[in-house]
Full PDB file with SEQRES, HELIX, SHEET, SSBOND, CRYST1, ORIGX, SCALE, CONECT and MASTER records, all heavy atoms in Angstrom:
SEQRES   1 A   37  PRO HIS ILE PRO MET PHE SER PRO LYS ARG PHE TRP ASP          
SEQRES   2 A   37  LEU TYR PRO ARG GLU LYS ILE VAL LEU PRO ASN ALA ASP          
SEQRES   3 A   37  PRO ARG ASP LEU GLU ASP LEU PRO LYS VAL ALA                  
HELIX    1 AA1 LYS A    9  TRP A   12  1                                   4    
HELIX    2 AA2 ARG A   17  LYS A   19  5                                   3    
CRYST1    1.000    1.000    1.000  90.00  90.00  90.00 P 1           1          
ORIGX1      1.000000  0.000000  0.000000        0.00000                         
ORIGX2      0.000000  1.000000  0.000000        0.00000                         
ORIGX3      0.000000  0.000000  1.000000        0.00000                         
SCALE1      1.000000  0.000000  0.000000        0.00000                         
SCALE2      0.000000  1.000000  0.000000        0.00000                         
SCALE3      0.000000  0.000000  1.000000        0.00000                         
ATOM      1  N   PRO A   1      -5.267  -5.042  22.717  1.00  0.00           N  
ATOM      2  CA  PRO A   1      -4.736  -4.596  21.442  1.00  0.00           C  
ATOM      3  C   PRO A   1      -4.662  -3.077  21.294  1.00  0.00           C  
ATOM      4  O   PRO A   1      -4.889  -2.544  20.215  1.00  0.00           O  
ATOM      5  CB  PRO A   1      -5.742  -5.177  20.469  1.00  0.00           C  
ATOM      6  CG  PRO A   1      -7.038  -5.080  21.193  1.00  0.00           C  
ATOM      7  CD  PRO A   1      -6.695  -5.303  22.645  1.00  0.00           C  
ATOM      8  N   HIS A   2      -4.363  -2.381  22.345  1.00  0.00           N  
ATOM      9  CA  HIS A   2      -4.334  -0.925  22.268  1.00  0.00           C  
ATOM     10  C   HIS A   2      -2.936  -0.400  21.978  1.00  0.00           C  
ATOM     11  O   HIS A   2      -1.945  -1.107  22.090  1.00  0.00           O  
ATOM     12  CB  HIS A   2      -4.888  -0.332  23.572  1.00  0.00           C  
ATOM     13  CG  HIS A   2      -6.272  -0.815  23.852  1.00  0.00           C  
ATOM     14  ND1 HIS A   2      -7.360  -0.397  23.124  1.00  0.00           N  
ATOM     15  CD2 HIS A   2      -6.744  -1.713  24.734  1.00  0.00           C  
ATOM     16  CE1 HIS A   2      -8.440  -1.019  23.550  1.00  0.00           C  
ATOM     17  NE2 HIS A   2      -8.096  -1.821  24.533  1.00  0.00           N  
ATOM     18  N   ILE A   3      -2.868   0.845  21.606  1.00  0.00           N  
ATOM     19  CA  ILE A   3      -1.611   1.491  21.237  1.00  0.00           C  
ATOM     20  C   ILE A   3      -0.670   1.531  22.428  1.00  0.00           C  
ATOM     21  O   ILE A   3      -1.121   1.872  23.518  1.00  0.00           O  
ATOM     22  CB  ILE A   3      -1.889   2.911  20.700  1.00  0.00           C  
ATOM     23  CG1 ILE A   3      -2.685   2.799  19.397  1.00  0.00           C  
ATOM     24  CG2 ILE A   3      -0.612   3.700  20.488  1.00  0.00           C  
ATOM     25  CD1 ILE A   3      -3.185   4.114  18.852  1.00  0.00           C  
ATOM     26  N   PRO A   4       0.596   1.208  22.289  1.00  0.00           N  
ATOM     27  CA  PRO A   4       1.259   0.772  21.054  1.00  0.00           C  
ATOM     28  C   PRO A   4       0.942  -0.689  20.755  1.00  0.00           C  
ATOM     29  O   PRO A   4       0.810  -1.494  21.660  1.00  0.00           O  
ATOM     30  CB  PRO A   4       2.731   0.960  21.366  1.00  0.00           C  
ATOM     31  CG  PRO A   4       2.848   0.771  22.829  1.00  0.00           C  
ATOM     32  CD  PRO A   4       1.550   1.283  23.407  1.00  0.00           C  
ATOM     33  N   MET A   5       0.839  -1.000  19.479  1.00  0.00           N  
ATOM     34  CA  MET A   5       0.451  -2.343  19.056  1.00  0.00           C  
ATOM     35  C   MET A   5       1.687  -3.142  18.641  1.00  0.00           C  
ATOM     36  O   MET A   5       2.059  -3.173  17.478  1.00  0.00           O  
ATOM     37  CB  MET A   5      -0.563  -2.258  17.922  1.00  0.00           C  
ATOM     38  CG  MET A   5      -1.884  -1.674  18.375  1.00  0.00           C  
ATOM     39  SD  MET A   5      -3.119  -1.544  17.080  1.00  0.00           S  
ATOM     40  CE  MET A   5      -2.668   0.016  16.337  1.00  0.00           C  
ATOM     41  N   PHE A   6       2.320  -3.753  19.621  1.00  0.00           N  
ATOM     42  CA  PHE A   6       3.472  -4.615  19.371  1.00  0.00           C  
ATOM     43  C   PHE A   6       3.042  -6.063  19.514  1.00  0.00           C  
ATOM     44  O   PHE A   6       2.376  -6.415  20.492  1.00  0.00           O  
ATOM     45  CB  PHE A   6       4.596  -4.333  20.376  1.00  0.00           C  
ATOM     46  CG  PHE A   6       5.143  -2.946  20.297  1.00  0.00           C  
ATOM     47  CD1 PHE A   6       4.971  -2.072  21.349  1.00  0.00           C  
ATOM     48  CD2 PHE A   6       5.812  -2.511  19.175  1.00  0.00           C  
ATOM     49  CE1 PHE A   6       5.475  -0.790  21.295  1.00  0.00           C  
ATOM     50  CE2 PHE A   6       6.305  -1.229  19.096  1.00  0.00           C  
ATOM     51  CZ  PHE A   6       6.144  -0.361  20.156  1.00  0.00           C  
ATOM     52  N   SER A   7       3.424  -6.887  18.556  1.00  0.00           N  
ATOM     53  CA  SER A   7       3.120  -8.316  18.600  1.00  0.00           C  
ATOM     54  C   SER A   7       4.254  -9.054  17.903  1.00  0.00           C  
ATOM     55  O   SER A   7       4.866  -8.518  16.975  1.00  0.00           O  
ATOM     56  CB  SER A   7       1.816  -8.624  17.864  1.00  0.00           C  
ATOM     57  OG  SER A   7       0.752  -7.898  18.418  1.00  0.00           O  
ATOM     58  N   PRO A   8       4.490 -10.296  18.304  1.00  0.00           N  
ATOM     59  CA  PRO A   8       5.488 -11.094  17.591  1.00  0.00           C  
ATOM     60  C   PRO A   8       5.115 -11.265  16.118  1.00  0.00           C  
ATOM     61  O   PRO A   8       3.929 -11.272  15.757  1.00  0.00           O  
ATOM     62  CB  PRO A   8       5.458 -12.435  18.327  1.00  0.00           C  
ATOM     63  CG  PRO A   8       4.937 -12.107  19.690  1.00  0.00           C  
ATOM     64  CD  PRO A   8       3.956 -10.989  19.473  1.00  0.00           C  
ATOM     65  N   LYS A   9       6.116 -11.428  15.284  1.00  0.00           N  
ATOM     66  CA  LYS A   9       5.933 -11.515  13.836  1.00  0.00           C  
ATOM     67  C   LYS A   9       4.923 -12.588  13.433  1.00  0.00           C  
ATOM     68  O   LYS A   9       4.145 -12.395  12.508  1.00  0.00           O  
ATOM     69  CB  LYS A   9       7.274 -11.772  13.153  1.00  0.00           C  
ATOM     70  CG  LYS A   9       7.192 -11.804  11.646  1.00  0.00           C  
ATOM     71  CD  LYS A   9       8.544 -12.099  11.025  1.00  0.00           C  
ATOM     72  CE  LYS A   9       8.515 -12.141   9.515  1.00  0.00           C  
ATOM     73  NZ  LYS A   9       7.482 -12.950   8.925  1.00  0.00           N  
ATOM     74  N   ARG A  10       4.908 -13.704  14.151  1.00  0.00           N  
ATOM     75  CA  ARG A  10       4.005 -14.793  13.763  1.00  0.00           C  
ATOM     76  C   ARG A  10       2.540 -14.363  13.804  1.00  0.00           C  
ATOM     77  O   ARG A  10       1.711 -14.883  13.056  1.00  0.00           O  
ATOM     78  CB  ARG A  10       4.245 -16.025  14.612  1.00  0.00           C  
ATOM     79  CG  ARG A  10       3.894 -15.868  16.065  1.00  0.00           C  
ATOM     80  CD  ARG A  10       4.317 -17.109  16.871  1.00  0.00           C  
ATOM     81  NE  ARG A  10       4.225 -16.835  18.280  1.00  0.00           N  
ATOM     82  CZ  ARG A  10       3.422 -17.483  19.111  1.00  0.00           C  
ATOM     83  NH1 ARG A  10       2.659 -18.453  18.650  1.00  0.00           N  
ATOM     84  NH2 ARG A  10       3.390 -17.174  20.383  1.00  0.00           N  
ATOM     85  N   PHE A  11       2.205 -13.385  14.640  1.00  0.00           N  
ATOM     86  CA  PHE A  11       0.824 -12.903  14.686  1.00  0.00           C  
ATOM     87  C   PHE A  11       0.543 -11.933  13.540  1.00  0.00           C  
ATOM     88  O   PHE A  11      -0.568 -11.895  13.022  1.00  0.00           O  
ATOM     89  CB  PHE A  11       0.519 -12.281  16.046  1.00  0.00           C  
ATOM     90  CG  PHE A  11       0.534 -13.296  17.145  1.00  0.00           C  
ATOM     91  CD1 PHE A  11       1.646 -13.444  17.962  1.00  0.00           C  
ATOM     92  CD2 PHE A  11      -0.543 -14.133  17.342  1.00  0.00           C  
ATOM     93  CE1 PHE A  11       1.673 -14.398  18.961  1.00  0.00           C  
ATOM     94  CE2 PHE A  11      -0.529 -15.101  18.338  1.00  0.00           C  
ATOM     95  CZ  PHE A  11       0.588 -15.230  19.147  1.00  0.00           C  
ATOM     96  N   TRP A  12       1.552 -11.160  13.150  1.00  0.00           N  
ATOM     97  CA  TRP A  12       1.404 -10.293  11.975  1.00  0.00           C  
ATOM     98  C   TRP A  12       1.208 -11.151  10.721  1.00  0.00           C  
ATOM     99  O   TRP A  12       0.428 -10.806   9.848  1.00  0.00           O  
ATOM    100  CB  TRP A  12       2.624  -9.401  11.801  1.00  0.00           C  
ATOM    101  CG  TRP A  12       2.718  -8.277  12.771  1.00  0.00           C  
ATOM    102  CD1 TRP A  12       2.991  -8.358  14.100  1.00  0.00           C  
ATOM    103  CD2 TRP A  12       2.533  -6.901  12.488  1.00  0.00           C  
ATOM    104  NE1 TRP A  12       2.999  -7.112  14.660  1.00  0.00           N  
ATOM    105  CE2 TRP A  12       2.731  -6.197  13.692  1.00  0.00           C  
ATOM    106  CE3 TRP A  12       2.237  -6.190  11.328  1.00  0.00           C  
ATOM    107  CZ2 TRP A  12       2.624  -4.811  13.767  1.00  0.00           C  
ATOM    108  CZ3 TRP A  12       2.137  -4.808  11.402  1.00  0.00           C  
ATOM    109  CH2 TRP A  12       2.325  -4.139  12.617  1.00  0.00           C  
ATOM    110  N   ASP A  13       1.931 -12.264  10.681  1.00  0.00           N  
ATOM    111  CA  ASP A  13       1.872 -13.127   9.496  1.00  0.00           C  
ATOM    112  C   ASP A  13       0.504 -13.773   9.306  1.00  0.00           C  
ATOM    113  O   ASP A  13       0.183 -14.233   8.197  1.00  0.00           O  
ATOM    114  CB  ASP A  13       2.944 -14.215   9.582  1.00  0.00           C  
ATOM    115  CG  ASP A  13       4.350 -13.657   9.465  1.00  0.00           C  
ATOM    116  OD1 ASP A  13       4.513 -12.492   9.030  1.00  0.00           O  
ATOM    117  OD2 ASP A  13       5.305 -14.396   9.823  1.00  0.00           O  
ATOM    118  N   LEU A  14      -0.308 -13.815  10.346  1.00  0.00           N  
ATOM    119  CA  LEU A  14      -1.664 -14.358  10.221  1.00  0.00           C  
ATOM    120  C   LEU A  14      -2.547 -13.478   9.339  1.00  0.00           C  
ATOM    121  O   LEU A  14      -3.579 -13.934   8.840  1.00  0.00           O  
ATOM    122  CB  LEU A  14      -2.320 -14.473  11.606  1.00  0.00           C  
ATOM    123  CG  LEU A  14      -1.705 -15.463  12.585  1.00  0.00           C  
ATOM    124  CD1 LEU A  14      -2.360 -15.314  13.961  1.00  0.00           C  
ATOM    125  CD2 LEU A  14      -1.852 -16.887  12.070  1.00  0.00           C  
ATOM    126  N   TYR A  15      -2.151 -12.219   9.184  1.00  0.00           N  
ATOM    127  CA  TYR A  15      -2.972 -11.239   8.467  1.00  0.00           C  
ATOM    128  C   TYR A  15      -2.155 -10.543   7.383  1.00  0.00           C  
ATOM    129  O   TYR A  15      -1.730  -9.401   7.554  1.00  0.00           O  
ATOM    130  CB  TYR A  15      -3.532 -10.207   9.456  1.00  0.00           C  
ATOM    131  CG  TYR A  15      -4.283 -10.860  10.586  1.00  0.00           C  
ATOM    132  CD1 TYR A  15      -3.673 -11.088  11.816  1.00  0.00           C  
ATOM    133  CD2 TYR A  15      -5.595 -11.292  10.400  1.00  0.00           C  
ATOM    134  CE1 TYR A  15      -4.356 -11.717  12.851  1.00  0.00           C  
ATOM    135  CE2 TYR A  15      -6.286 -11.920  11.426  1.00  0.00           C  
ATOM    136  CZ  TYR A  15      -5.660 -12.130  12.643  1.00  0.00           C  
ATOM    137  OH  TYR A  15      -6.334 -12.758  13.660  1.00  0.00           O  
ATOM    138  N   PRO A  16      -1.928 -11.220   6.233  1.00  0.00           N  
ATOM    139  CA  PRO A  16      -1.187 -10.567   5.146  1.00  0.00           C  
ATOM    140  C   PRO A  16      -1.892  -9.271   4.725  1.00  0.00           C  
ATOM    141  O   PRO A  16      -3.115  -9.248   4.561  1.00  0.00           O  
ATOM    142  CB  PRO A  16      -1.210 -11.592   4.017  1.00  0.00           C  
ATOM    143  CG  PRO A  16      -1.581 -12.889   4.658  1.00  0.00           C  
ATOM    144  CD  PRO A  16      -2.376 -12.545   5.883  1.00  0.00           C  
ATOM    145  N   ARG A  17      -1.122  -8.219   4.598  1.00  0.00           N  
ATOM    146  CA  ARG A  17      -1.710  -6.906   4.326  1.00  0.00           C  
ATOM    147  C   ARG A  17      -2.546  -6.895   3.052  1.00  0.00           C  
ATOM    148  O   ARG A  17      -3.575  -6.228   2.983  1.00  0.00           O  
ATOM    149  CB  ARG A  17      -0.608  -5.853   4.259  1.00  0.00           C  
ATOM    150  CG  ARG A  17      -1.155  -4.471   4.496  1.00  0.00           C  
ATOM    151  CD  ARG A  17      -0.108  -3.429   4.747  1.00  0.00           C  
ATOM    152  NE  ARG A  17       0.772  -3.854   5.823  1.00  0.00           N  
ATOM    153  CZ  ARG A  17       2.043  -3.487   5.927  1.00  0.00           C  
ATOM    154  NH1 ARG A  17       2.559  -2.684   5.053  1.00  0.00           N  
ATOM    155  NH2 ARG A  17       2.786  -3.900   6.919  1.00  0.00           N  
ATOM    156  N   GLU A  18      -2.122  -7.653   2.040  1.00  0.00           N  
ATOM    157  CA  GLU A  18      -2.861  -7.639   0.775  1.00  0.00           C  
ATOM    158  C   GLU A  18      -4.226  -8.315   0.882  1.00  0.00           C  
ATOM    159  O   GLU A  18      -5.070  -8.147   0.011  1.00  0.00           O  
ATOM    160  CB  GLU A  18      -2.024  -8.282  -0.351  1.00  0.00           C  
ATOM    161  CG  GLU A  18      -1.697  -9.738  -0.156  1.00  0.00           C  
ATOM    162  CD  GLU A  18      -0.466 -10.003   0.712  1.00  0.00           C  
ATOM    163  OE1 GLU A  18       0.165  -9.049   1.204  1.00  0.00           O  
ATOM    164  OE2 GLU A  18      -0.153 -11.188   0.892  1.00  0.00           O  
ATOM    165  N   LYS A  19      -4.475  -9.056   1.945  1.00  0.00           N  
ATOM    166  CA  LYS A  19      -5.770  -9.722   2.129  1.00  0.00           C  
ATOM    167  C   LYS A  19      -6.676  -8.992   3.128  1.00  0.00           C  
ATOM    168  O   LYS A  19      -7.816  -9.398   3.337  1.00  0.00           O  
ATOM    169  CB  LYS A  19      -5.554 -11.162   2.596  1.00  0.00           C  
ATOM    170  CG  LYS A  19      -4.932 -12.030   1.527  1.00  0.00           C  
ATOM    171  CD  LYS A  19      -4.888 -13.465   1.973  1.00  0.00           C  
ATOM    172  CE  LYS A  19      -4.318 -14.312   0.842  1.00  0.00           C  
ATOM    173  NZ  LYS A  19      -4.356 -15.731   1.175  1.00  0.00           N  
ATOM    174  N   ILE A  20      -6.178  -7.931   3.726  1.00  0.00           N  
ATOM    175  CA  ILE A  20      -6.957  -7.199   4.718  1.00  0.00           C  
ATOM    176  C   ILE A  20      -8.013  -6.339   4.028  1.00  0.00           C  
ATOM    177  O   ILE A  20      -7.720  -5.631   3.067  1.00  0.00           O  
ATOM    178  CB  ILE A  20      -6.037  -6.317   5.587  1.00  0.00           C  
ATOM    179  CG1 ILE A  20      -5.168  -7.199   6.465  1.00  0.00           C  
ATOM    180  CG2 ILE A  20      -6.851  -5.331   6.433  1.00  0.00           C  
ATOM    181  CD1 ILE A  20      -4.141  -6.439   7.261  1.00  0.00           C  
ATOM    182  N   VAL A  21      -9.237  -6.430   4.513  1.00  0.00           N  
ATOM    183  CA  VAL A  21     -10.319  -5.565   4.040  1.00  0.00           C  
ATOM    184  C   VAL A  21     -10.405  -4.408   5.025  1.00  0.00           C  
ATOM    185  O   VAL A  21     -10.679  -4.603   6.211  1.00  0.00           O  
ATOM    186  CB  VAL A  21     -11.656  -6.326   3.974  1.00  0.00           C  
ATOM    187  CG1 VAL A  21     -12.778  -5.395   3.550  1.00  0.00           C  
ATOM    188  CG2 VAL A  21     -11.539  -7.519   3.033  1.00  0.00           C  
ATOM    189  N   LEU A  22     -10.142  -3.216   4.549  1.00  0.00           N  
ATOM    190  CA  LEU A  22     -10.146  -2.043   5.420  1.00  0.00           C  
ATOM    191  C   LEU A  22     -11.575  -1.671   5.815  1.00  0.00           C  
ATOM    192  O   LEU A  22     -12.486  -1.709   4.988  1.00  0.00           O  
ATOM    193  CB  LEU A  22      -9.475  -0.859   4.725  1.00  0.00           C  
ATOM    194  CG  LEU A  22      -7.996  -1.062   4.400  1.00  0.00           C  
ATOM    195  CD1 LEU A  22      -7.458   0.133   3.627  1.00  0.00           C  
ATOM    196  CD2 LEU A  22      -7.186  -1.290   5.660  1.00  0.00           C  
ATOM    197  N   PRO A  23     -11.761  -1.340   7.081  1.00  0.00           N  
ATOM    198  CA  PRO A  23     -13.103  -0.949   7.519  1.00  0.00           C  
ATOM    199  C   PRO A  23     -13.515   0.391   6.928  1.00  0.00           C  
ATOM    200  O   PRO A  23     -12.675   1.254   6.669  1.00  0.00           O  
ATOM    201  CB  PRO A  23     -12.964  -0.859   9.038  1.00  0.00           C  
ATOM    202  CG  PRO A  23     -11.509  -0.677   9.296  1.00  0.00           C  
ATOM    203  CD  PRO A  23     -10.784  -1.319   8.159  1.00  0.00           C  
ATOM    204  N   ASN A  24     -14.797   0.532   6.721  1.00  0.00           N  
ATOM    205  CA  ASN A  24     -15.345   1.793   6.244  1.00  0.00           C  
ATOM    206  C   ASN A  24     -15.575   2.690   7.461  1.00  0.00           C  
ATOM    207  O   ASN A  24     -16.359   2.353   8.336  1.00  0.00           O  
ATOM    208  CB  ASN A  24     -16.656   1.543   5.493  1.00  0.00           C  
ATOM    209  CG  ASN A  24     -17.273   2.818   4.972  1.00  0.00           C  
ATOM    210  OD1 ASN A  24     -16.615   3.849   4.884  1.00  0.00           O  
ATOM    211  ND2 ASN A  24     -18.534   2.760   4.636  1.00  0.00           N  
ATOM    212  N   ALA A  25     -14.881   3.797   7.525  1.00  0.00           N  
ATOM    213  CA  ALA A  25     -15.013   4.726   8.652  1.00  0.00           C  
ATOM    214  C   ALA A  25     -16.085   5.755   8.312  1.00  0.00           C  
ATOM    215  O   ALA A  25     -15.826   6.757   7.655  1.00  0.00           O  
ATOM    216  CB  ALA A  25     -13.671   5.390   8.937  1.00  0.00           C  
ATOM    217  N   ASP A  26     -17.296   5.486   8.748  1.00  0.00           N  
ATOM    218  CA  ASP A  26     -18.425   6.382   8.509  1.00  0.00           C  
ATOM    219  C   ASP A  26     -18.252   7.650   9.353  1.00  0.00           C  
ATOM    220  O   ASP A  26     -18.127   7.568  10.574  1.00  0.00           O  
ATOM    221  CB  ASP A  26     -19.721   5.684   8.889  1.00  0.00           C  
ATOM    222  CG  ASP A  26     -20.972   6.493   8.575  1.00  0.00           C  
ATOM    223  OD1 ASP A  26     -20.863   7.712   8.339  1.00  0.00           O  
ATOM    224  OD2 ASP A  26     -22.064   5.895   8.565  1.00  0.00           O  
ATOM    225  N   PRO A  27     -18.218   8.830   8.737  1.00  0.00           N  
ATOM    226  CA  PRO A  27     -18.017  10.062   9.496  1.00  0.00           C  
ATOM    227  C   PRO A  27     -19.126  10.337  10.513  1.00  0.00           C  
ATOM    228  O   PRO A  27     -18.941  11.085  11.464  1.00  0.00           O  
ATOM    229  CB  PRO A  27     -17.959  11.155   8.431  1.00  0.00           C  
ATOM    230  CG  PRO A  27     -18.495  10.561   7.190  1.00  0.00           C  
ATOM    231  CD  PRO A  27     -18.360   9.069   7.308  1.00  0.00           C  
ATOM    232  N   ARG A  28     -20.306   9.708  10.364  1.00  0.00           N  
ATOM    233  CA  ARG A  28     -21.412   9.907  11.297  1.00  0.00           C  
ATOM    234  C   ARG A  28     -21.452   8.842  12.395  1.00  0.00           C  
ATOM    235  O   ARG A  28     -22.377   8.812  13.202  1.00  0.00           O  
ATOM    236  CB  ARG A  28     -22.737   9.895  10.534  1.00  0.00           C  
ATOM    237  CG  ARG A  28     -22.845  11.023   9.514  1.00  0.00           C  
ATOM    238  CD  ARG A  28     -24.034  10.841   8.598  1.00  0.00           C  
ATOM    239  NE  ARG A  28     -23.861   9.586   7.867  1.00  0.00           N  
ATOM    240  CZ  ARG A  28     -24.840   8.725   7.584  1.00  0.00           C  
ATOM    241  NH1 ARG A  28     -26.068   8.976   7.925  1.00  0.00           N  
ATOM    242  NH2 ARG A  28     -24.603   7.606   6.932  1.00  0.00           N  
ATOM    243  N   ASP A  29     -20.449   7.994  12.443  1.00  0.00           N  
ATOM    244  CA  ASP A  29     -20.449   6.839  13.324  1.00  0.00           C  
ATOM    245  C   ASP A  29     -20.545   7.199  14.809  1.00  0.00           C  
ATOM    246  O   ASP A  29     -21.062   6.422  15.598  1.00  0.00           O  
ATOM    247  CB  ASP A  29     -19.190   6.004  13.079  1.00  0.00           C  
ATOM    248  CG  ASP A  29     -19.230   4.680  13.794  1.00  0.00           C  
ATOM    249  OD1 ASP A  29     -20.290   4.034  13.798  1.00  0.00           O  
ATOM    250  OD2 ASP A  29     -18.200   4.291  14.369  1.00  0.00           O  
ATOM    251  N   LEU A  30     -20.063   8.354  15.190  1.00  0.00           N  
ATOM    252  CA  LEU A  30     -20.013   8.718  16.606  1.00  0.00           C  
ATOM    253  C   LEU A  30     -21.226   9.510  17.080  1.00  0.00           C  
ATOM    254  O   LEU A  30     -21.325   9.830  18.265  1.00  0.00           O  
ATOM    255  CB  LEU A  30     -18.738   9.523  16.882  1.00  0.00           C  
ATOM    256  CG  LEU A  30     -17.426   8.854  16.485  1.00  0.00           C  
ATOM    257  CD1 LEU A  30     -16.263   9.796  16.717  1.00  0.00           C  
ATOM    258  CD2 LEU A  30     -17.237   7.555  17.232  1.00  0.00           C  
ATOM    259  N   GLU A  31     -22.141   9.817  16.188  1.00  0.00           N  
ATOM    260  CA  GLU A  31     -23.254  10.698  16.529  1.00  0.00           C  
ATOM    261  C   GLU A  31     -24.147  10.168  17.647  1.00  0.00           C  
ATOM    262  O   GLU A  31     -24.759  10.947  18.371  1.00  0.00           O  
ATOM    263  CB  GLU A  31     -24.098  10.983  15.281  1.00  0.00           C  
ATOM    264  CG  GLU A  31     -23.385  11.859  14.279  1.00  0.00           C  
ATOM    265  CD  GLU A  31     -24.197  12.080  13.010  1.00  0.00           C  
ATOM    266  OE1 GLU A  31     -25.312  11.519  12.887  1.00  0.00           O  
ATOM    267  OE2 GLU A  31     -23.703  12.804  12.129  1.00  0.00           O  
ATOM    268  N   ASP A  32     -24.246   8.854  17.804  1.00  0.00           N  
ATOM    269  CA  ASP A  32     -25.133   8.291  18.816  1.00  0.00           C  
ATOM    270  C   ASP A  32     -24.430   7.999  20.146  1.00  0.00           C  
ATOM    271  O   ASP A  32     -25.010   7.411  21.046  1.00  0.00           O  
ATOM    272  CB  ASP A  32     -25.812   7.019  18.292  1.00  0.00           C  
ATOM    273  CG  ASP A  32     -24.819   5.950  17.895  1.00  0.00           C  
ATOM    274  OD1 ASP A  32     -23.625   6.264  17.721  1.00  0.00           O  
ATOM    275  OD2 ASP A  32     -25.240   4.787  17.751  1.00  0.00           O  
ATOM    276  N   LEU A  33     -23.192   8.428  20.277  1.00  0.00           N  
ATOM    277  CA  LEU A  33     -22.443   8.225  21.514  1.00  0.00           C  
ATOM    278  C   LEU A  33     -22.640   9.388  22.479  1.00  0.00           C  
ATOM    279  O   LEU A  33     -22.916  10.510  22.054  1.00  0.00           O  
ATOM    280  CB  LEU A  33     -20.948   8.088  21.211  1.00  0.00           C  
ATOM    281  CG  LEU A  33     -20.526   6.869  20.402  1.00  0.00           C  
ATOM    282  CD1 LEU A  33     -19.029   6.912  20.154  1.00  0.00           C  
ATOM    283  CD2 LEU A  33     -20.930   5.586  21.085  1.00  0.00           C  
ATOM    284  N   PRO A  34     -22.453   9.136  23.772  1.00  0.00           N  
ATOM    285  CA  PRO A  34     -22.518  10.236  24.738  1.00  0.00           C  
ATOM    286  C   PRO A  34     -21.416  11.268  24.457  1.00  0.00           C  
ATOM    287  O   PRO A  34     -20.391  10.953  23.856  1.00  0.00           O  
ATOM    288  CB  PRO A  34     -22.279   9.561  26.085  1.00  0.00           C  
ATOM    289  CG  PRO A  34     -22.449   8.114  25.856  1.00  0.00           C  
ATOM    290  CD  PRO A  34     -22.221   7.854  24.403  1.00  0.00           C  
ATOM    291  N   LYS A  35     -21.615  12.480  24.918  1.00  0.00           N  
ATOM    292  CA  LYS A  35     -20.666  13.565  24.652  1.00  0.00           C  
ATOM    293  C   LYS A  35     -19.257  13.231  25.129  1.00  0.00           C  
ATOM    294  O   LYS A  35     -18.286  13.535  24.449  1.00  0.00           O  
ATOM    295  CB  LYS A  35     -21.142  14.865  25.295  1.00  0.00           C  
ATOM    296  CG  LYS A  35     -20.148  15.999  25.049  1.00  0.00           C  
ATOM    297  CD  LYS A  35     -20.754  17.332  25.220  1.00  0.00           C  
ATOM    298  CE  LYS A  35     -19.811  18.493  25.050  1.00  0.00           C  
ATOM    299  NZ  LYS A  35     -18.570  18.319  24.390  1.00  0.00           N  
ATOM    300  N   VAL A  36     -19.122  12.585  26.276  1.00  0.00           N  
ATOM    301  CA  VAL A  36     -17.787  12.262  26.787  1.00  0.00           C  
ATOM    302  C   VAL A  36     -17.057  11.336  25.810  1.00  0.00           C  
ATOM    303  O   VAL A  36     -15.853  11.487  25.587  1.00  0.00           O  
ATOM    304  CB  VAL A  36     -17.864  11.668  28.218  1.00  0.00           C  
ATOM    305  CG1 VAL A  36     -18.539  10.304  28.226  1.00  0.00           C  
ATOM    306  CG2 VAL A  36     -16.486  11.582  28.845  1.00  0.00           C  
ATOM    307  N   ALA A  37     -17.768  10.397  25.209  1.00  0.00           N  
ATOM    308  CA  ALA A  37     -17.154   9.496  24.230  1.00  0.00           C  
ATOM    309  C   ALA A  37     -16.803  10.252  22.955  1.00  0.00           C  
ATOM    310  O   ALA A  37     -15.749  10.018  22.351  1.00  0.00           O  
ATOM    311  CB  ALA A  37     -18.084   8.336  23.929  1.00  0.00           C  
TER     312      ALA A  37                                                      
MASTER        0    0    0    2    0    0    0    6  311    1    0    3          
END                                                                             
């Protein structure tokens, strides 16, 4: 599922945008990763 994200319409239809719960992007989320990451 990496960029570019192309999929047939039937897979998009499984996830109506109005029902999607957006993830919370914590600005500190990357602090515990190695420097290269």
